Amino acid sequence: MDPTEEKKIIEEILQNRRLPYSIELLDIEGDKYTVRNNFGSTVVYFKKDDNYFLESELD
């Protein structure tokens, strides 16, 4: 993936989710984004429309 595109996705997630910490993009599978935060936790977000949701929020 292009570093510019990766940075754009990270910034979209940070802004949309209003995260107060940094994240690293690990994997993209369609609308599924796997990221690691600076605490070492791995989190999966799903993009729906122009928003990013945790799996538990989609139920």
PDB file of N, CA and C in Angstrom:
ATOM      1  N   MET A   1       0.840  -1.175   0.000  1.00  0.00           N
ATOM      2  CA  MET A   1       0.000   0.000   0.000  1.00  0.00           C
ATOM      3  C   MET A   1       0.889   1.244   0.000  1.00  0.00           C
ATOM      4  N   ASP A   2       0.454   2.228  -0.676  1.00  0.00           N
ATOM      5  CA  ASP A   2       1.137   3.507  -0.769  1.00  0.00           C
ATOM      6  C   ASP A   2       1.171   4.172   0.619  1.00  0.00           C
ATOM      7  N   PRO A   3       2.339   4.628   1.081  1.00  0.00           N
ATOM      8  CA  PRO A   3       2.428   5.272   2.407  1.00  0.00           C
ATOM      9  C   PRO A   3       1.508   6.482   2.557  1.00  0.00           C
ATOM     10  N   THR A   4       1.284   7.216   1.486  1.00  0.00           N
ATOM     11  CA  THR A   4       0.382   8.371   1.547  1.00  0.00           C
ATOM     12  C   THR A   4      -1.052   7.922   1.783  1.00  0.00           C
ATOM     13  N   GLU A   5      -1.464   6.861   1.101  1.00  0.00           N
ATOM     14  CA  GLU A   5      -2.811   6.321   1.279  1.00  0.00           C
ATOM     15  C   GLU A   5      -2.983   5.740   2.682  1.00  0.00           C
ATOM     16  N   GLU A   6      -1.947   5.055   3.174  1.00  0.00           N
ATOM     17  CA  GLU A   6      -1.983   4.485   4.523  1.00  0.00           C
ATOM     18  C   GLU A   6      -2.131   5.599   5.568  1.00  0.00           C
ATOM     19  N   LYS A   7      -1.379   6.672   5.395  1.00  0.00           N
ATOM     20  CA  LYS A   7      -1.460   7.806   6.327  1.00  0.00           C
ATOM     21  C   LYS A   7      -2.850   8.424   6.307  1.00  0.00           C
ATOM     22  N   LYS A   8      -3.445   8.528   5.123  1.00  0.00           N
ATOM     23  CA  LYS A   8      -4.796   9.091   4.989  1.00  0.00           C
ATOM     24  C   LYS A   8      -5.813   8.239   5.748  1.00  0.00           C
ATOM     25  N   ILE A   9      -5.716   6.914   5.616  1.00  0.00           N
ATOM     26  CA  ILE A   9      -6.635   6.005   6.312  1.00  0.00           C
ATOM     27  C   ILE A   9      -6.468   6.138   7.819  1.00  0.00           C
ATOM     28  N   ILE A  10      -5.229   6.173   8.288  1.00  0.00           N
ATOM     29  CA  ILE A  10      -4.970   6.315   9.721  1.00  0.00           C
ATOM     30  C   ILE A  10      -5.566   7.614  10.239  1.00  0.00           C
ATOM     31  N   GLU A  11      -5.363   8.704   9.513  1.00  0.00           N
ATOM     32  CA  GLU A  11      -5.902   9.995   9.939  1.00  0.00           C
ATOM     33  C   GLU A  11      -7.424   9.990   9.953  1.00  0.00           C
ATOM     34  N   GLU A  12      -8.048   9.317   8.971  1.00  0.00           N
ATOM     35  CA  GLU A  12      -9.513   9.204   8.944  1.00  0.00           C
ATOM     36  C   GLU A  12     -10.026   8.462  10.167  1.00  0.00           C
ATOM     37  N   ILE A  13      -9.382   7.354  10.517  1.00  0.00           N
ATOM     38  CA  ILE A  13      -9.809   6.572  11.683  1.00  0.00           C
ATOM     39  C   ILE A  13      -9.624   7.392  12.960  1.00  0.00           C
ATOM     40  N   LEU A  14      -8.469   8.031  13.103  1.00  0.00           N
ATOM     41  CA  LEU A  14      -8.201   8.830  14.307  1.00  0.00           C
ATOM     42  C   LEU A  14      -9.216   9.952  14.463  1.00  0.00           C
ATOM     43  N   GLN A  15      -9.525  10.631  13.380  1.00  0.00           N
ATOM     44  CA  GLN A  15     -10.468  11.743  13.439  1.00  0.00           C
ATOM     45  C   GLN A  15     -11.890  11.248  13.661  1.00  0.00           C
ATOM     46  N   ASN A  16     -12.291  10.215  12.920  1.00  0.00           N
ATOM     47  CA  ASN A  16     -13.644   9.690  13.018  1.00  0.00           C
ATOM     48  C   ASN A  16     -13.930   9.110  14.396  1.00  0.00           C
ATOM     49  N   ARG A  17     -12.978   8.365  14.935  1.00  0.00           N
ATOM     50  CA  ARG A  17     -13.156   7.721  16.234  1.00  0.00           C
ATOM     51  C   ARG A  17     -12.728   8.621  17.392  1.00  0.00           C
ATOM     52  N   ARG A  18     -12.112   9.775  17.081  1.00  0.00           N
ATOM     53  CA  ARG A  18     -11.617  10.720  18.089  1.00  0.00           C
ATOM     54  C   ARG A  18     -10.680  10.036  19.081  1.00  0.00           C
ATOM     55  N   LEU A  19      -9.728   9.309  18.535  1.00  0.00           N
ATOM     56  CA  LEU A  19      -8.788   8.558  19.357  1.00  0.00           C
ATOM     57  C   LEU A  19      -7.683   9.468  19.889  1.00  0.00           C
ATOM     58  N   PRO A  20      -7.376   9.376  21.186  1.00  0.00           N
ATOM     59  CA  PRO A  20      -6.331  10.227  21.774  1.00  0.00           C
ATOM     60  C   PRO A  20      -4.943   9.580  21.733  1.00  0.00           C
ATOM     61  N   TYR A  21      -4.793   8.532  20.946  1.00  0.00           N
ATOM     62  CA  TYR A  21      -3.516   7.820  20.870  1.00  0.00           C
ATOM     63  C   TYR A  21      -3.213   7.490  19.416  1.00  0.00           C
ATOM     64  N   SER A  22      -2.000   7.084  19.149  1.00  0.00           N
ATOM     65  CA  SER A  22      -1.607   6.761  17.777  1.00  0.00           C
ATOM     66  C   SER A  22      -1.950   5.312  17.444  1.00  0.00           C
ATOM     67  N   ILE A  23      -2.081   5.053  16.150  1.00  0.00           N
ATOM     68  CA  ILE A  23      -2.359   3.703  15.677  1.00  0.00           C
ATOM     69  C   ILE A  23      -1.463   3.403  14.476  1.00  0.00           C
ATOM     70  N   GLU A  24      -1.296   2.109  14.237  1.00  0.00           N
ATOM     71  CA  GLU A  24      -0.526   1.618  13.096  1.00  0.00           C
ATOM     72  C   GLU A  24      -1.432   0.684  12.305  1.00  0.00           C
ATOM     73  N   LEU A  25      -1.528   0.901  11.022  1.00  0.00           N
ATOM     74  CA  LEU A  25      -2.353   0.067  10.156  1.00  0.00           C
ATOM     75  C   LEU A  25      -1.625  -1.236   9.866  1.00  0.00           C
ATOM     76  N   LEU A  26      -2.237  -2.370  10.231  1.00  0.00           N
ATOM     77  CA  LEU A  26      -1.613  -3.674  10.036  1.00  0.00           C
ATOM     78  C   LEU A  26      -2.119  -4.395   8.796  1.00  0.00           C
ATOM     79  N   ASP A  27      -3.450  -4.333   8.553  1.00  0.00           N
ATOM     80  CA  ASP A  27      -4.024  -5.111   7.461  1.00  0.00           C
ATOM     81  C   ASP A  27      -5.335  -4.484   7.000  1.00  0.00           C
ATOM     82  N   ILE A  28      -5.610  -4.628   5.722  1.00  0.00           N
ATOM     83  CA  ILE A  28      -6.880  -4.191   5.151  1.00  0.00           C
ATOM     84  C   ILE A  28      -7.456  -5.338   4.352  1.00  0.00           C
ATOM     85  N   GLU A  29      -8.701  -5.685   4.644  1.00  0.00           N
ATOM     86  CA  GLU A  29      -9.428  -6.719   3.899  1.00  0.00           C
ATOM     87  C   GLU A  29     -10.790  -6.141   3.544  1.00  0.00           C
ATOM     88  N   GLY A  30     -10.900  -5.543   2.364  1.00  0.00           N
ATOM     89  CA  GLY A  30     -12.155  -4.904   1.968  1.00  0.00           C
ATOM     90  C   GLY A  30     -12.437  -3.716   2.863  1.00  0.00           C
ATOM     91  N   ASP A  31     -13.527  -3.792   3.632  1.00  0.00           N
ATOM     92  CA  ASP A  31     -13.909  -2.719   4.560  1.00  0.00           C
ATOM     93  C   ASP A  31     -13.470  -3.007   5.992  1.00  0.00           C
ATOM     94  N   LYS A  32     -12.602  -3.981   6.180  1.00  0.00           N
ATOM     95  CA  LYS A  32     -12.115  -4.385   7.502  1.00  0.00           C
ATOM     96  C   LYS A  32     -10.670  -3.893   7.668  1.00  0.00           C
ATOM     97  N   TYR A  33     -10.447  -3.058   8.695  1.00  0.00           N
ATOM     98  CA  TYR A  33      -9.129  -2.468   8.944  1.00  0.00           C
ATOM     99  C   TYR A  33      -8.610  -2.951  10.290  1.00  0.00           C
ATOM    100  N   THR A  34      -7.493  -3.630  10.288  1.00  0.00           N
ATOM    101  CA  THR A  34      -6.867  -4.094  11.515  1.00  0.00           C
ATOM    102  C   THR A  34      -5.747  -3.127  11.865  1.00  0.00           C
ATOM    103  N   VAL A  35      -5.814  -2.584  13.083  1.00  0.00           N
ATOM    104  CA  VAL A  35      -4.820  -1.614  13.530  1.00  0.00           C
ATOM    105  C   VAL A  35      -4.273  -2.028  14.903  1.00  0.00           C
ATOM    106  N   ARG A  36      -3.107  -1.501  15.215  1.00  0.00           N
ATOM    107  CA  ARG A  36      -2.509  -1.697  16.539  1.00  0.00           C
ATOM    108  C   ARG A  36      -2.334  -0.315  17.138  1.00  0.00           C
ATOM    109  N   ASN A  37      -2.783  -0.152  18.396  1.00  0.00           N
ATOM    110  CA  ASN A  37      -2.609   1.147  19.041  1.00  0.00           C
ATOM    111  C   ASN A  37      -1.274   1.188  19.779  1.00  0.00           C
ATOM    112  N   ASN A  38      -0.922   2.358  20.291  1.00  0.00           N
ATOM    113  CA  ASN A  38       0.391   2.492  20.926  1.00  0.00           C
ATOM    114  C   ASN A  38       0.469   1.771  22.270  1.00  0.00           C
ATOM    115  N   PHE A  39      -0.629   1.156  22.723  1.00  0.00           N
ATOM    116  CA  PHE A  39      -0.609   0.336  23.934  1.00  0.00           C
ATOM    117  C   PHE A  39      -0.342  -1.127  23.600  1.00  0.00           C
ATOM    118  N   GLY A  40      -0.280  -1.448  22.300  1.00  0.00           N
ATOM    119  CA  GLY A  40       0.001  -2.806  21.863  1.00  0.00           C
ATOM    120  C   GLY A  40      -1.227  -3.647  21.584  1.00  0.00           C
ATOM    121  N   SER A  41      -2.420  -3.076  21.741  1.00  0.00           N
ATOM    122  CA  SER A  41      -3.654  -3.816  21.478  1.00  0.00           C
ATOM    123  C   SER A  41      -3.999  -3.777  19.995  1.00  0.00           C
ATOM    124  N   THR A  42      -4.505  -4.884  19.495  1.00  0.00           N
ATOM    125  CA  THR A  42      -4.956  -4.957  18.114  1.00  0.00           C
ATOM    126  C   THR A  42      -6.465  -4.772  18.090  1.00  0.00           C
ATOM    127  N   VAL A  43      -6.931  -3.870  17.227  1.00  0.00           N
ATOM    128  CA  VAL A  43      -8.345  -3.531  17.128  1.00  0.00           C
ATOM    129  C   VAL A  43      -8.757  -3.629  15.668  1.00  0.00           C
ATOM    130  N   VAL A  44      -9.987  -4.112  15.428  1.00  0.00           N
ATOM    131  CA  VAL A  44     -10.511  -4.216  14.075  1.00  0.00           C
ATOM    132  C   VAL A  44     -11.651  -3.215  13.917  1.00  0.00           C
ATOM    133  N   TYR A  45     -11.554  -2.384  12.881  1.00  0.00           N
ATOM    134  CA  TYR A  45     -12.606  -1.430  12.551  1.00  0.00           C
ATOM    135  C   TYR A  45     -13.205  -1.816  11.217  1.00  0.00           C
ATOM    136  N   PHE A  46     -14.501  -1.571  11.068  1.00  0.00           N
ATOM    137  CA  PHE A  46     -15.196  -1.789   9.815  1.00  0.00           C
ATOM    138  C   PHE A  46     -15.667  -0.444   9.298  1.00  0.00           C
ATOM    139  N   LYS A  47     -15.417  -0.186   8.028  1.00  0.00           N
ATOM    140  CA  LYS A  47     -15.850   1.077   7.439  1.00  0.00           C
ATOM    141  C   LYS A  47     -17.221   0.867   6.832  1.00  0.00           C
ATOM    142  N   LYS A  48     -18.172   1.679   7.279  1.00  0.00           N
ATOM    143  CA  LYS A  48     -19.530   1.636   6.755  1.00  0.00           C
ATOM    144  C   LYS A  48     -19.915   3.072   6.440  1.00  0.00           C
ATOM    145  N   ASP A  49     -20.277   3.338   5.204  1.00  0.00           N
ATOM    146  CA  ASP A  49     -20.479   4.698   4.703  1.00  0.00           C
ATOM    147  C   ASP A  49     -19.159   5.429   4.872  1.00  0.00           C
ATOM    148  N   ASP A  50     -19.110   6.516   5.612  1.00  0.00           N
ATOM    149  CA  ASP A  50     -17.853   7.228   5.843  1.00  0.00           C
ATOM    150  C   ASP A  50     -17.428   7.144   7.300  1.00  0.00           C
ATOM    151  N   ASN A  51     -17.936   6.157   8.032  1.00  0.00           N
ATOM    152  CA  ASN A  51     -17.631   6.004   9.452  1.00  0.00           C
ATOM    153  C   ASN A  51     -16.912   4.688   9.700  1.00  0.00           C
ATOM    154  N   TYR A  52     -16.192   4.649  10.807  1.00  0.00           N
ATOM    155  CA  TYR A  52     -15.471   3.438  11.217  1.00  0.00           C
ATOM    156  C   TYR A  52     -16.091   2.921  12.506  1.00  0.00           C
ATOM    157  N   PHE A  53     -16.435   1.647  12.519  1.00  0.00           N
ATOM    158  CA  PHE A  53     -17.105   1.035  13.656  1.00  0.00           C
ATOM    159  C   PHE A  53     -16.336  -0.173  14.154  1.00  0.00           C
ATOM    160  N   LEU A  54     -16.413  -0.405  15.462  1.00  0.00           N
ATOM    161  CA  LEU A  54     -15.935  -1.661  16.025  1.00  0.00           C
ATOM    162  C   LEU A  54     -16.941  -2.729  15.686  1.00  0.00           C
ATOM    163  N   GLU A  55     -16.515  -3.977  15.657  1.00  0.00           N
ATOM    164  CA  GLU A  55     -17.411  -5.078  15.315  1.00  0.00           C
ATOM    165  C   GLU A  55     -18.623  -5.107  16.251  1.00  0.00           C
ATOM    166  N   SER A  56     -18.413  -4.867  17.540  1.00  0.00           N
ATOM    167  CA  SER A  56     -19.513  -4.914  18.513  1.00  0.00           C
ATOM    168  C   SER A  56     -20.530  -3.806  18.280  1.00  0.00           C
ATOM    169  N   GLU A  57     -20.150  -2.726  17.633  1.00  0.00           N
ATOM    170  CA  GLU A  57     -21.071  -1.625  17.370  1.00  0.00           C
ATOM    171  C   GLU A  57     -21.975  -1.887  16.175  1.00  0.00           C
ATOM    172  N   LEU A  58     -21.642  -2.872  15.374  1.00  0.00           N
ATOM    173  CA  LEU A  58     -22.443  -3.176  14.186  1.00  0.00           C
ATOM    174  C   LEU A  58     -23.622  -4.081  14.491  1.00  0.00           C
ATOM    175  N   ASP A  59     -23.627  -4.699  15.637  1.00  0.00           N
ATOM    176  CA  ASP A  59     -24.741  -5.620  16.003  1.00  0.00           C
ATOM    177  C   ASP A  59     -25.973  -4.867  16.415  1.00  0.00           C
TER     178      ASP A  59
END
